[in-house]
Amino acid sequence: MSSGEDKLGSVLWKLVLYIVVTVIIMGVLNWFFNYLIPDVVAVHKELKGLLVLRDYQPYVYVLVSLIIGWLIASAVASMFYVILKPRYGSSASAAVRSLIRVLGLGALLAGIAGGVAGGAAGVALGGFIGLVIGFATQQILGQAIAGMFLLLARPFKIGDVIDAAGESEVRVVDIGTLFTVAEKKDGNTVLIPSSALIGQKIVLRKQSQAKQAQ
C-alpha cells in the first residue's frame, strides 16, 4: 500500500471516528439532560436546582455541533485534498480543501441557526443566515473558485510569459487561490485577481523551460 493510500485511509478513519463520536456525545447529552437530571430530582427533591441545567441544553448542543461539525468538514476537505493531490498538485488541491472548509462552515452555521429556531421560522432563519454568509463572502468565494479552476485547468504555469487582464508580457511567478503573482519587465510585481483571468483571453507568449522540456 502506498503512502498516498495510507494518508487517504487515515483521513477516512478520522471522518468515521468523528461521526461515531458525534453520535455518542449527542446520545450522552440527551440522556444527561432528559433522563438523568429528572430522575435525580425525582429521588432527591432537595436537588431540584439541577433542573436549571436543562435551560443550557440548547447552548451545549450548539457548542458541540460547532466543534464536531468543523472537525467533520475539515476531514471531508482533507479527503478531497488527498484524492486530488496526485493528479492536480498541492496548490490546486489546497484550493479545493479551503473552499470546502468555507462552504462547510457556512452550511454548519446556517443549519444550526435553523435547528435552534425550529419549524418554519428555523427554515427561514437558516436560509437568511445562509444568504448573509453568501453575500459577505461572495467576492472571496468567487476569487477562490476562479483560482481553483485556474489551478485545475492549468492554462499557464509558473515561469510562463503571458498577456492577461490588461498586463502585457508578464512572467508568472506564483499561482494562488486568490491571485496570480506576475513580474513585469520593469521588475515590479503585479497581483492579478483570479476572477480577472477567467473568461478573458490569455496570450501565452513564452513557455517555461520545464514545460518545454516535457
N, C-alpha and C. Protein backbone atom coordinates (compact mmCIF):
# COMPACT_ATOMS: atom_id res chain seq x y z
N MET A 1 0.85 -1.20 0.00
CA MET A 1 0.00 0.00 0.00
C MET A 1 0.88 1.24 0.00
N SER A 2 0.58 2.20 -0.85
CA SER A 2 1.40 3.40 -0.98
C SER A 2 1.13 4.36 0.14
N SER A 3 2.05 5.35 0.26
CA SER A 3 1.88 6.36 1.31
C SER A 3 0.63 7.18 1.07
N GLY A 4 0.30 7.45 -0.24
CA GLY A 4 -0.91 8.20 -0.55
C GLY A 4 -2.15 7.49 -0.08
N GLU A 5 -2.17 6.13 -0.28
CA GLU A 5 -3.31 5.34 0.17
C GLU A 5 -3.38 5.32 1.69
N ASP A 6 -2.18 5.29 2.35
CA ASP A 6 -2.17 5.34 3.81
C ASP A 6 -2.79 6.64 4.31
N LYS A 7 -2.45 7.75 3.66
CA LYS A 7 -2.99 9.03 4.06
C LYS A 7 -4.50 9.07 3.84
N LEU A 8 -4.95 8.57 2.70
CA LEU A 8 -6.38 8.54 2.43
C LEU A 8 -7.09 7.66 3.45
N GLY A 9 -6.49 6.53 3.77
CA GLY A 9 -7.09 5.64 4.76
C GLY A 9 -7.21 6.30 6.12
N SER A 10 -6.18 7.03 6.53
CA SER A 10 -6.22 7.71 7.83
C SER A 10 -7.27 8.80 7.85
N VAL A 11 -7.41 9.51 6.73
CA VAL A 11 -8.44 10.56 6.66
C VAL A 11 -9.83 9.96 6.75
N LEU A 12 -10.05 8.84 6.06
CA LEU A 12 -11.36 8.19 6.10
C LEU A 12 -11.67 7.67 7.50
N TRP A 13 -10.66 7.08 8.14
CA TRP A 13 -10.87 6.61 9.51
C TRP A 13 -11.18 7.76 10.45
N LYS A 14 -10.51 8.88 10.25
CA LYS A 14 -10.76 10.06 11.07
C LYS A 14 -12.18 10.57 10.88
N LEU A 15 -12.65 10.57 9.62
CA LEU A 15 -14.01 11.01 9.32
C LEU A 15 -15.03 10.10 9.99
N VAL A 16 -14.82 8.80 9.88
CA VAL A 16 -15.73 7.84 10.52
C VAL A 16 -15.71 8.01 12.03
N LEU A 17 -14.50 8.22 12.59
CA LEU A 17 -14.38 8.41 14.03
C LEU A 17 -15.15 9.64 14.51
N TYR A 18 -15.04 10.74 13.77
CA TYR A 18 -15.77 11.95 14.15
C TYR A 18 -17.28 11.72 14.13
N ILE A 19 -17.76 11.00 13.14
CA ILE A 19 -19.19 10.73 13.06
C ILE A 19 -19.65 9.87 14.23
N VAL A 20 -18.87 8.83 14.54
CA VAL A 20 -19.22 7.95 15.66
C VAL A 20 -19.19 8.74 16.98
N VAL A 21 -18.16 9.56 17.16
CA VAL A 21 -18.05 10.37 18.38
C VAL A 21 -19.23 11.33 18.49
N THR A 22 -19.66 11.89 17.37
CA THR A 22 -20.82 12.79 17.38
C THR A 22 -22.07 12.08 17.88
N VAL A 23 -22.31 10.88 17.35
CA VAL A 23 -23.49 10.11 17.76
C VAL A 23 -23.42 9.80 19.25
N ILE A 24 -22.24 9.39 19.73
CA ILE A 24 -22.10 9.03 21.14
C ILE A 24 -22.30 10.24 22.04
N ILE A 25 -21.64 11.35 21.70
CA ILE A 25 -21.75 12.55 22.54
C ILE A 25 -23.18 13.07 22.59
N MET A 26 -23.84 13.11 21.42
CA MET A 26 -25.23 13.59 21.40
C MET A 26 -26.14 12.67 22.21
N GLY A 27 -25.86 11.36 22.14
CA GLY A 27 -26.66 10.42 22.93
C GLY A 27 -26.45 10.61 24.42
N VAL A 28 -25.20 10.81 24.83
CA VAL A 28 -24.90 11.03 26.25
C VAL A 28 -25.53 12.33 26.74
N LEU A 29 -25.44 13.39 25.94
CA LEU A 29 -26.03 14.66 26.34
C LEU A 29 -27.55 14.56 26.46
N ASN A 30 -28.17 13.86 25.52
CA ASN A 30 -29.63 13.67 25.58
C ASN A 30 -30.01 12.91 26.85
N TRP A 31 -29.25 11.85 27.18
CA TRP A 31 -29.52 11.08 28.39
C TRP A 31 -29.32 11.93 29.64
N PHE A 32 -28.27 12.74 29.64
CA PHE A 32 -27.95 13.56 30.81
C PHE A 32 -29.04 14.59 31.09
N PHE A 33 -29.45 15.33 30.05
CA PHE A 33 -30.40 16.42 30.24
C PHE A 33 -31.84 15.93 30.40
N ASN A 34 -32.23 14.90 29.66
CA ASN A 34 -33.63 14.50 29.60
C ASN A 34 -33.98 13.31 30.49
N TYR A 35 -32.99 12.59 30.99
CA TYR A 35 -33.29 11.40 31.81
C TYR A 35 -32.58 11.45 33.17
N LEU A 36 -31.26 11.70 33.16
CA LEU A 36 -30.53 11.66 34.42
C LEU A 36 -30.97 12.75 35.38
N ILE A 37 -30.99 14.00 34.90
CA ILE A 37 -31.36 15.11 35.78
C ILE A 37 -32.78 14.96 36.34
N PRO A 38 -33.80 14.68 35.48
CA PRO A 38 -35.15 14.48 36.05
C PRO A 38 -35.22 13.33 37.04
N ASP A 39 -34.51 12.23 36.78
CA ASP A 39 -34.55 11.08 37.69
C ASP A 39 -33.91 11.42 39.03
N VAL A 40 -32.78 12.15 38.99
CA VAL A 40 -32.11 12.54 40.24
C VAL A 40 -32.99 13.46 41.05
N VAL A 41 -33.63 14.42 40.39
CA VAL A 41 -34.50 15.36 41.10
C VAL A 41 -35.73 14.66 41.66
N ALA A 42 -36.22 13.65 40.94
CA ALA A 42 -37.40 12.92 41.41
C ALA A 42 -37.10 12.15 42.69
N VAL A 43 -35.86 11.67 42.82
CA VAL A 43 -35.47 10.92 44.01
C VAL A 43 -35.04 11.85 45.14
N HIS A 44 -34.29 12.90 44.77
CA HIS A 44 -33.78 13.85 45.78
C HIS A 44 -34.40 15.22 45.51
N LYS A 45 -35.49 15.50 46.16
CA LYS A 45 -36.22 16.75 45.94
C LYS A 45 -35.37 17.98 46.24
N GLU A 46 -34.43 17.81 47.19
CA GLU A 46 -33.62 18.97 47.58
C GLU A 46 -32.66 19.41 46.47
N LEU A 47 -32.51 18.57 45.43
CA LEU A 47 -31.61 18.90 44.33
C LEU A 47 -32.36 19.44 43.11
N LYS A 48 -33.56 19.97 43.33
CA LYS A 48 -34.35 20.45 42.19
C LYS A 48 -33.69 21.62 41.47
N GLY A 49 -32.70 22.24 42.12
CA GLY A 49 -31.97 23.31 41.46
C GLY A 49 -31.22 22.82 40.23
N LEU A 50 -30.97 21.50 40.14
CA LEU A 50 -30.29 20.94 38.97
C LEU A 50 -31.10 21.11 37.69
N LEU A 51 -32.42 21.30 37.84
CA LEU A 51 -33.26 21.46 36.66
C LEU A 51 -32.88 22.70 35.85
N VAL A 52 -32.21 23.64 36.52
CA VAL A 52 -31.76 24.84 35.82
C VAL A 52 -30.78 24.49 34.70
N LEU A 53 -30.04 23.40 34.90
CA LEU A 53 -29.08 22.98 33.88
C LEU A 53 -29.74 22.68 32.54
N ARG A 54 -31.01 22.28 32.58
CA ARG A 54 -31.70 21.95 31.33
C ARG A 54 -31.93 23.18 30.46
N ASP A 55 -31.90 24.35 31.08
CA ASP A 55 -32.05 25.59 30.31
C ASP A 55 -30.85 25.83 29.39
N TYR A 56 -29.71 25.22 29.74
CA TYR A 56 -28.49 25.41 28.95
C TYR A 56 -28.31 24.32 27.90
N GLN A 57 -29.28 23.42 27.81
CA GLN A 57 -29.16 22.31 26.86
C GLN A 57 -28.97 22.77 25.42
N PRO A 58 -29.75 23.73 24.91
CA PRO A 58 -29.54 24.16 23.52
C PRO A 58 -28.16 24.74 23.27
N TYR A 59 -27.64 25.49 24.25
CA TYR A 59 -26.32 26.11 24.07
C TYR A 59 -25.21 25.05 24.03
N VAL A 60 -25.36 24.02 24.86
CA VAL A 60 -24.38 22.93 24.85
C VAL A 60 -24.42 22.21 23.51
N TYR A 61 -25.63 21.96 23.00
CA TYR A 61 -25.77 21.29 21.70
C TYR A 61 -25.13 22.12 20.59
N VAL A 62 -25.36 23.43 20.63
CA VAL A 62 -24.79 24.31 19.60
C VAL A 62 -23.27 24.28 19.65
N LEU A 63 -22.71 24.37 20.86
CA LEU A 63 -21.25 24.37 21.01
C LEU A 63 -20.65 23.05 20.51
N VAL A 64 -21.24 21.95 20.92
CA VAL A 64 -20.74 20.64 20.48
C VAL A 64 -20.88 20.48 18.97
N SER A 65 -22.01 20.93 18.43
CA SER A 65 -22.24 20.82 16.99
C SER A 65 -21.23 21.64 16.21
N LEU A 66 -20.90 22.83 16.70
CA LEU A 66 -19.91 23.68 16.02
C LEU A 66 -18.53 23.01 16.00
N ILE A 67 -18.11 22.50 17.15
CA ILE A 67 -16.78 21.90 17.26
C ILE A 67 -16.67 20.65 16.39
N ILE A 68 -17.60 19.72 16.59
CA ILE A 68 -17.52 18.45 15.86
C ILE A 68 -17.86 18.66 14.39
N GLY A 69 -18.80 19.56 14.10
CA GLY A 69 -19.14 19.85 12.70
C GLY A 69 -17.96 20.39 11.94
N TRP A 70 -17.19 21.27 12.59
CA TRP A 70 -15.99 21.82 11.94
C TRP A 70 -14.94 20.71 11.72
N LEU A 71 -14.81 19.81 12.68
CA LEU A 71 -13.87 18.70 12.52
C LEU A 71 -14.27 17.80 11.36
N ILE A 72 -15.58 17.54 11.23
CA ILE A 72 -16.06 16.70 10.13
C ILE A 72 -15.85 17.39 8.80
N ALA A 73 -16.16 18.70 8.73
CA ALA A 73 -15.95 19.45 7.48
C ALA A 73 -14.47 19.46 7.10
N SER A 74 -13.60 19.63 8.09
CA SER A 74 -12.16 19.63 7.81
C SER A 74 -11.70 18.26 7.33
N ALA A 75 -12.26 17.19 7.91
CA ALA A 75 -11.90 15.84 7.49
C ALA A 75 -12.33 15.59 6.04
N VAL A 76 -13.54 16.04 5.68
CA VAL A 76 -14.02 15.88 4.30
C VAL A 76 -13.12 16.68 3.35
N ALA A 77 -12.76 17.91 3.75
CA ALA A 77 -11.88 18.73 2.91
C ALA A 77 -10.51 18.06 2.74
N SER A 78 -9.99 17.48 3.81
CA SER A 78 -8.70 16.80 3.73
C SER A 78 -8.78 15.57 2.84
N MET A 79 -9.92 14.91 2.84
CA MET A 79 -10.10 13.73 1.99
C MET A 79 -10.02 14.12 0.52
N PHE A 80 -10.68 15.23 0.16
CA PHE A 80 -10.60 15.72 -1.22
C PHE A 80 -9.18 16.13 -1.57
N TYR A 81 -8.47 16.72 -0.60
CA TYR A 81 -7.09 17.14 -0.83
C TYR A 81 -6.21 15.93 -1.17
N VAL A 82 -6.35 14.87 -0.40
CA VAL A 82 -5.54 13.67 -0.63
C VAL A 82 -5.88 13.02 -1.96
N ILE A 83 -7.17 13.02 -2.32
CA ILE A 83 -7.59 12.40 -3.57
C ILE A 83 -7.10 13.19 -4.78
N LEU A 84 -7.17 14.52 -4.71
CA LEU A 84 -6.83 15.36 -5.86
C LEU A 84 -5.34 15.64 -6.01
N LYS A 85 -4.60 15.57 -4.92
CA LYS A 85 -3.19 15.97 -4.94
C LYS A 85 -2.34 15.21 -5.96
N PRO A 86 -2.47 13.86 -6.08
CA PRO A 86 -1.62 13.16 -7.06
C PRO A 86 -1.83 13.61 -8.49
N ARG A 87 -3.04 14.07 -8.82
CA ARG A 87 -3.34 14.45 -10.20
C ARG A 87 -3.14 15.93 -10.47
N TYR A 88 -3.54 16.77 -9.50
CA TYR A 88 -3.54 18.22 -9.76
C TYR A 88 -2.48 18.98 -8.97
N GLY A 89 -1.76 18.33 -8.08
CA GLY A 89 -0.72 19.01 -7.32
C GLY A 89 -1.23 19.65 -6.05
N SER A 90 -0.28 20.14 -5.24
CA SER A 90 -0.62 20.67 -3.92
C SER A 90 -1.44 21.95 -3.98
N SER A 91 -1.11 22.85 -4.90
CA SER A 91 -1.78 24.15 -4.94
C SER A 91 -3.27 24.02 -5.25
N ALA A 92 -3.59 23.26 -6.31
CA ALA A 92 -4.99 23.08 -6.69
C ALA A 92 -5.75 22.33 -5.60
N SER A 93 -5.12 21.31 -5.04
CA SER A 93 -5.79 20.52 -4.01
C SER A 93 -6.03 21.35 -2.75
N ALA A 94 -5.06 22.20 -2.40
CA ALA A 94 -5.24 23.07 -1.23
C ALA A 94 -6.36 24.08 -1.46
N ALA A 95 -6.51 24.55 -2.70
CA ALA A 95 -7.60 25.49 -3.02
C ALA A 95 -8.96 24.82 -2.83
N VAL A 96 -9.07 23.58 -3.31
CA VAL A 96 -10.32 22.84 -3.13
C VAL A 96 -10.59 22.60 -1.65
N ARG A 97 -9.55 22.25 -0.92
CA ARG A 97 -9.71 21.99 0.53
C ARG A 97 -10.21 23.24 1.26
N SER A 98 -9.63 24.38 0.95
CA SER A 98 -10.04 25.63 1.59
C SER A 98 -11.48 25.98 1.24
N LEU A 99 -11.84 25.77 -0.03
CA LEU A 99 -13.20 26.09 -0.47
C LEU A 99 -14.22 25.22 0.24
N ILE A 100 -13.92 23.93 0.39
CA ILE A 100 -14.85 23.01 1.07
C ILE A 100 -14.99 23.40 2.54
N ARG A 101 -13.90 23.82 3.16
CA ARG A 101 -13.98 24.24 4.56
C ARG A 101 -14.87 25.46 4.73
N VAL A 102 -14.72 26.44 3.84
CA VAL A 102 -15.53 27.66 3.93
C VAL A 102 -17.01 27.34 3.71
N LEU A 103 -17.30 26.54 2.68
CA LEU A 103 -18.69 26.16 2.40
C LEU A 103 -19.26 25.32 3.54
N GLY A 104 -18.44 24.43 4.09
CA GLY A 104 -18.89 23.61 5.20
C GLY A 104 -19.22 24.43 6.43
N LEU A 105 -18.38 25.43 6.72
CA LEU A 105 -18.65 26.29 7.87
C LEU A 105 -19.92 27.10 7.66
N GLY A 106 -20.13 27.62 6.45
CA GLY A 106 -21.36 28.36 6.17
C GLY A 106 -22.59 27.50 6.31
N ALA A 107 -22.54 26.28 5.77
CA ALA A 107 -23.68 25.36 5.88
C ALA A 107 -23.92 24.97 7.34
N LEU A 108 -22.84 24.80 8.10
CA LEU A 108 -22.96 24.44 9.51
C LEU A 108 -23.65 25.54 10.30
N LEU A 109 -23.23 26.78 10.09
CA LEU A 109 -23.84 27.91 10.81
C LEU A 109 -25.30 28.08 10.45
N ALA A 110 -25.60 27.95 9.14
CA ALA A 110 -26.99 28.09 8.71
C ALA A 110 -27.85 26.97 9.27
N GLY A 111 -27.32 25.74 9.26
CA GLY A 111 -28.08 24.61 9.79
C GLY A 111 -28.34 24.71 11.28
N ILE A 112 -27.32 25.14 12.04
CA ILE A 112 -27.50 25.29 13.49
C ILE A 112 -28.51 26.39 13.80
N ALA A 113 -28.42 27.50 13.07
CA ALA A 113 -29.36 28.61 13.30
C ALA A 113 -30.79 28.15 13.02
N GLY A 114 -30.98 27.40 11.94
CA GLY A 114 -32.31 26.90 11.63
C GLY A 114 -32.80 25.89 12.64
N GLY A 115 -31.88 25.01 13.11
CA GLY A 115 -32.27 24.00 14.08
C GLY A 115 -32.65 24.59 15.43
N VAL A 116 -31.95 25.63 15.85
CA VAL A 116 -32.26 26.26 17.13
C VAL A 116 -33.63 26.93 17.10
N ALA A 117 -33.93 27.61 15.99
CA ALA A 117 -35.23 28.29 15.88
C ALA A 117 -36.37 27.29 15.72
N GLY A 118 -36.14 26.25 14.91
CA GLY A 118 -37.14 25.20 14.74
C GLY A 118 -38.30 25.61 13.85
N GLY A 119 -38.93 24.62 13.22
CA GLY A 119 -40.11 24.84 12.40
C GLY A 119 -39.86 25.72 11.19
N ALA A 120 -40.94 26.37 10.73
CA ALA A 120 -40.84 27.25 9.58
C ALA A 120 -39.92 28.43 9.86
N ALA A 121 -39.94 28.90 11.10
CA ALA A 121 -39.06 30.00 11.47
C ALA A 121 -37.60 29.58 11.36
N GLY A 122 -37.33 28.32 11.72
CA GLY A 122 -35.97 27.81 11.61
C GLY A 122 -35.50 27.74 10.17
N VAL A 123 -36.40 27.29 9.29
CA VAL A 123 -36.05 27.23 7.87
C VAL A 123 -35.76 28.62 7.34
N ALA A 124 -36.62 29.58 7.72
CA ALA A 124 -36.43 30.96 7.25
C ALA A 124 -35.14 31.55 7.81
N LEU A 125 -34.88 31.30 9.11
CA LEU A 125 -33.67 31.85 9.72
C LEU A 125 -32.42 31.21 9.12
N GLY A 126 -32.47 29.89 8.92
CA GLY A 126 -31.33 29.21 8.32
C GLY A 126 -31.05 29.72 6.91
N GLY A 127 -32.12 29.93 6.14
CA GLY A 127 -31.94 30.48 4.80
C GLY A 127 -31.39 31.89 4.83
N PHE A 128 -31.87 32.68 5.79
CA PHE A 128 -31.39 34.06 5.91
C PHE A 128 -29.91 34.09 6.28
N ILE A 129 -29.51 33.25 7.26
CA ILE A 129 -28.11 33.18 7.66
C ILE A 129 -27.25 32.75 6.47
N GLY A 130 -27.76 31.79 5.70
CA GLY A 130 -27.02 31.34 4.53
C GLY A 130 -26.83 32.46 3.51
N LEU A 131 -27.89 33.26 3.32
CA LEU A 131 -27.78 34.38 2.38
C LEU A 131 -26.79 35.42 2.87
N VAL A 132 -26.82 35.71 4.18
CA VAL A 132 -25.90 36.69 4.75
C VAL A 132 -24.46 36.23 4.56
N ILE A 133 -24.20 34.95 4.87
CA ILE A 133 -22.86 34.41 4.70
C ILE A 133 -22.45 34.45 3.24
N GLY A 134 -23.41 34.11 2.37
CA GLY A 134 -23.12 34.12 0.94
C GLY A 134 -22.75 35.50 0.42
N PHE A 135 -23.55 36.52 0.82
CA PHE A 135 -23.25 37.88 0.38
C PHE A 135 -21.95 38.39 0.97
N ALA A 136 -21.69 38.02 2.23
CA ALA A 136 -20.48 38.51 2.90
C ALA A 136 -19.21 37.92 2.30
N THR A 137 -19.33 36.72 1.77
CA THR A 137 -18.13 36.03 1.27
C THR A 137 -18.15 35.83 -0.25
N GLN A 138 -19.11 36.45 -0.95
CA GLN A 138 -19.24 36.16 -2.37
C GLN A 138 -18.00 36.55 -3.17
N GLN A 139 -17.38 37.67 -2.82
CA GLN A 139 -16.19 38.09 -3.56
C GLN A 139 -15.02 37.14 -3.31
N ILE A 140 -14.84 36.78 -2.02
CA ILE A 140 -13.75 35.86 -1.69
C ILE A 140 -14.00 34.49 -2.30
N LEU A 141 -15.26 34.01 -2.20
CA LEU A 141 -15.58 32.70 -2.77
C LEU A 141 -15.43 32.71 -4.28
N GLY A 142 -15.86 33.83 -4.90
CA GLY A 142 -15.72 33.94 -6.36
C GLY A 142 -14.26 33.89 -6.77
N GLN A 143 -13.42 34.60 -6.01
CA GLN A 143 -12.00 34.57 -6.29
C GLN A 143 -11.43 33.17 -6.09
N ALA A 144 -11.84 32.52 -4.99
CA ALA A 144 -11.32 31.19 -4.68
C ALA A 144 -11.72 30.17 -5.74
N ILE A 145 -12.99 30.24 -6.18
CA ILE A 145 -13.46 29.31 -7.20
C ILE A 145 -12.73 29.55 -8.52
N ALA A 146 -12.55 30.82 -8.88
CA ALA A 146 -11.81 31.13 -10.11
C ALA A 146 -10.38 30.63 -10.02
N GLY A 147 -9.74 30.83 -8.85
CA GLY A 147 -8.38 30.34 -8.67
C GLY A 147 -8.31 28.84 -8.74
N MET A 148 -9.33 28.17 -8.20
CA MET A 148 -9.36 26.71 -8.26
C MET A 148 -9.43 26.22 -9.70
N PHE A 149 -10.27 26.87 -10.52
CA PHE A 149 -10.37 26.48 -11.92
C PHE A 149 -9.05 26.72 -12.66
N LEU A 150 -8.39 27.82 -12.33
CA LEU A 150 -7.08 28.08 -12.96
C LEU A 150 -6.07 27.00 -12.60
N LEU A 151 -6.08 26.60 -11.33
CA LEU A 151 -5.13 25.58 -10.89
C LEU A 151 -5.43 24.22 -11.50
N LEU A 152 -6.72 23.93 -11.70
CA LEU A 152 -7.09 22.65 -12.27
C LEU A 152 -6.91 22.63 -13.79
N ALA A 153 -7.31 23.71 -14.46
CA ALA A 153 -7.22 23.76 -15.93
C ALA A 153 -5.78 23.99 -16.40
N ARG A 154 -4.99 24.70 -15.60
CA ARG A 154 -3.59 24.96 -15.91
C ARG A 154 -3.38 25.58 -17.29
N PRO A 155 -4.01 26.72 -17.58
CA PRO A 155 -3.78 27.36 -18.89
C PRO A 155 -2.36 27.90 -19.02
N PHE A 156 -1.72 28.16 -17.89
CA PHE A 156 -0.32 28.59 -17.88
C PHE A 156 0.32 28.08 -16.60
N LYS A 157 1.63 28.08 -16.58
CA LYS A 157 2.36 27.58 -15.42
C LYS A 157 3.37 28.62 -14.95
N ILE A 158 3.94 28.37 -13.78
CA ILE A 158 4.96 29.26 -13.24
C ILE A 158 6.15 29.30 -14.21
N GLY A 159 6.57 30.51 -14.53
CA GLY A 159 7.68 30.70 -15.46
C GLY A 159 7.23 31.10 -16.85
N ASP A 160 5.93 30.88 -17.18
CA ASP A 160 5.42 31.28 -18.49
C ASP A 160 5.32 32.81 -18.58
N VAL A 161 5.48 33.32 -19.79
CA VAL A 161 5.29 34.75 -20.06
C VAL A 161 3.96 34.92 -20.78
N ILE A 162 3.07 35.73 -20.23
CA ILE A 162 1.70 35.81 -20.75
C ILE A 162 1.26 37.27 -20.88
N ASP A 163 0.17 37.43 -21.66
CA ASP A 163 -0.60 38.68 -21.70
C ASP A 163 -1.97 38.34 -21.13
N ALA A 164 -2.37 39.04 -20.08
CA ALA A 164 -3.67 38.73 -19.47
C ALA A 164 -4.11 39.89 -18.59
N ALA A 165 -5.43 40.08 -18.53
CA ALA A 165 -6.05 41.08 -17.64
C ALA A 165 -5.42 42.46 -17.79
N GLY A 166 -5.11 42.84 -19.03
CA GLY A 166 -4.55 44.16 -19.29
C GLY A 166 -3.06 44.27 -19.07
N GLU A 167 -2.43 43.19 -18.65
CA GLU A 167 -0.98 43.19 -18.45
C GLU A 167 -0.31 42.51 -19.64
N SER A 168 0.80 43.08 -20.10
CA SER A 168 1.48 42.55 -21.28
C SER A 168 2.86 42.03 -20.92
N GLU A 169 3.15 40.85 -21.43
CA GLU A 169 4.46 40.22 -21.28
C GLU A 169 4.93 40.19 -19.82
N VAL A 170 4.11 39.60 -18.98
CA VAL A 170 4.48 39.43 -17.57
C VAL A 170 4.83 37.96 -17.34
N ARG A 171 5.81 37.72 -16.49
CA ARG A 171 6.24 36.35 -16.20
C ARG A 171 5.55 35.86 -14.93
N VAL A 172 4.91 34.71 -15.03
CA VAL A 172 4.17 34.14 -13.90
C VAL A 172 5.16 33.67 -12.83
N VAL A 173 4.99 34.21 -11.62
CA VAL A 173 5.86 33.85 -10.51
C VAL A 173 5.18 32.83 -9.59
N ASP A 174 3.89 33.01 -9.38
CA ASP A 174 3.16 32.09 -8.49
C ASP A 174 1.69 32.12 -8.88
N ILE A 175 1.02 30.99 -8.71
CA ILE A 175 -0.41 30.87 -8.99
C ILE A 175 -1.09 30.47 -7.69
N GLY A 176 -1.84 31.40 -7.11
CA GLY A 176 -2.52 31.13 -5.85
C GLY A 176 -4.02 31.03 -6.03
N THR A 177 -4.70 30.84 -4.90
CA THR A 177 -6.15 30.71 -4.95
C THR A 177 -6.84 32.01 -5.31
N LEU A 178 -6.36 33.11 -4.75
CA LEU A 178 -7.00 34.41 -4.97
C LEU A 178 -6.30 35.25 -6.03
N PHE A 179 -4.99 35.12 -6.14
CA PHE A 179 -4.24 35.95 -7.07
C PHE A 179 -3.19 35.12 -7.81
N THR A 180 -2.88 35.57 -9.03
CA THR A 180 -1.71 35.09 -9.76
C THR A 180 -0.65 36.18 -9.67
N VAL A 181 0.50 35.83 -9.15
CA VAL A 181 1.59 36.77 -8.97
C VAL A 181 2.47 36.75 -10.23
N ALA A 182 2.68 37.92 -10.83
CA ALA A 182 3.48 38.02 -12.06
C ALA A 182 4.48 39.15 -11.93
N GLU A 183 5.56 39.03 -12.68
CA GLU A 183 6.61 40.04 -12.67
C GLU A 183 6.64 40.76 -14.02
N LYS A 184 6.62 42.09 -13.98
CA LYS A 184 6.65 42.90 -15.19
C LYS A 184 8.08 43.09 -15.67
N LYS A 185 8.22 43.63 -16.88
CA LYS A 185 9.55 43.85 -17.47
C LYS A 185 10.39 44.81 -16.63
N ASP A 186 9.73 45.78 -15.99
CA ASP A 186 10.47 46.76 -15.20
C ASP A 186 10.84 46.24 -13.81
N GLY A 187 10.50 44.97 -13.54
CA GLY A 187 10.84 44.37 -12.25
C GLY A 187 9.77 44.48 -11.20
N ASN A 188 8.74 45.26 -11.45
CA ASN A 188 7.65 45.39 -10.50
C ASN A 188 6.80 44.12 -10.49
N THR A 189 6.20 43.87 -9.35
CA THR A 189 5.33 42.70 -9.19
C THR A 189 3.87 43.13 -9.28
N VAL A 190 3.07 42.38 -10.00
CA VAL A 190 1.65 42.66 -10.15
C VAL A 190 0.85 41.45 -9.68
N LEU A 191 -0.21 41.73 -8.91
CA LEU A 191 -1.11 40.68 -8.44
C LEU A 191 -2.37 40.72 -9.30
N ILE A 192 -2.61 39.68 -10.06
CA ILE A 192 -3.77 39.63 -10.95
C ILE A 192 -4.85 38.78 -10.29
N PRO A 193 -6.03 39.36 -9.98
CA PRO A 193 -7.09 38.57 -9.37
C PRO A 193 -7.49 37.39 -10.25
N SER A 194 -7.74 36.27 -9.62
CA SER A 194 -8.09 35.06 -10.37
C SER A 194 -9.35 35.26 -11.20
N SER A 195 -10.33 36.02 -10.65
CA SER A 195 -11.57 36.24 -11.38
C SER A 195 -11.34 37.05 -12.65
N ALA A 196 -10.28 37.88 -12.68
CA ALA A 196 -9.98 38.68 -13.87
C ALA A 196 -9.41 37.82 -14.99
N LEU A 197 -8.92 36.64 -14.65
CA LEU A 197 -8.33 35.76 -15.66
C LEU A 197 -9.35 34.79 -16.26
N ILE A 198 -10.45 34.58 -15.53
CA ILE A 198 -11.48 33.66 -16.01
C ILE A 198 -12.37 34.36 -17.03
N GLY A 199 -12.54 33.76 -18.17
CA GLY A 199 -13.42 34.31 -19.20
C GLY A 199 -12.75 35.35 -20.08
N GLN A 200 -11.46 35.61 -19.88
CA GLN A 200 -10.75 36.57 -20.71
C GLN A 200 -9.66 35.87 -21.52
N LYS A 201 -9.26 36.52 -22.57
CA LYS A 201 -8.22 35.96 -23.42
C LYS A 201 -6.88 36.00 -22.72
N ILE A 202 -6.15 34.90 -22.80
CA ILE A 202 -4.80 34.80 -22.24
C ILE A 202 -3.86 34.44 -23.38
N VAL A 203 -2.88 35.30 -23.62
CA VAL A 203 -1.88 35.05 -24.66
C VAL A 203 -0.65 34.44 -24.01
N LEU A 204 -0.30 33.24 -24.42
CA LEU A 204 0.88 32.57 -23.90
C LEU A 204 2.06 32.88 -24.82
N ARG A 205 2.89 33.83 -24.41
CA ARG A 205 3.99 34.28 -25.26
C ARG A 205 5.19 33.35 -25.20
N LYS A 206 5.51 32.87 -24.02
CA LYS A 206 6.70 32.04 -23.88
C LYS A 206 6.48 31.06 -22.75
N GLN A 207 6.70 29.77 -23.03
CA GLN A 207 6.54 28.76 -22.01
C GLN A 207 7.81 28.64 -21.18
N SER A 208 7.62 28.16 -19.95
CA SER A 208 8.76 27.97 -19.07
C SER A 208 9.65 26.85 -19.58
N GLN A 209 10.90 26.83 -19.15
CA GLN A 209 11.85 25.82 -19.61
C GLN A 209 11.38 24.42 -19.22
N ALA A 210 10.80 24.29 -18.01
CA ALA A 210 10.34 22.97 -17.56
C ALA A 210 9.21 22.47 -18.43
N LYS A 211 8.33 23.38 -18.87
CA LYS A 211 7.19 22.98 -19.69
C LYS A 211 7.64 22.60 -21.08
N GLN A 212 8.64 23.29 -21.62
CA GLN A 212 9.13 22.97 -22.95
C GLN A 212 9.85 21.64 -22.98
N ALA A 213 10.45 21.26 -21.84
CA ALA A 213 11.20 20.02 -21.80
C ALA A 213 10.32 18.79 -21.70
N GLN A 214 9.03 18.99 -21.34
CA GLN A 214 8.11 17.85 -21.20
C GLN A 214 7.73 17.28 -22.57
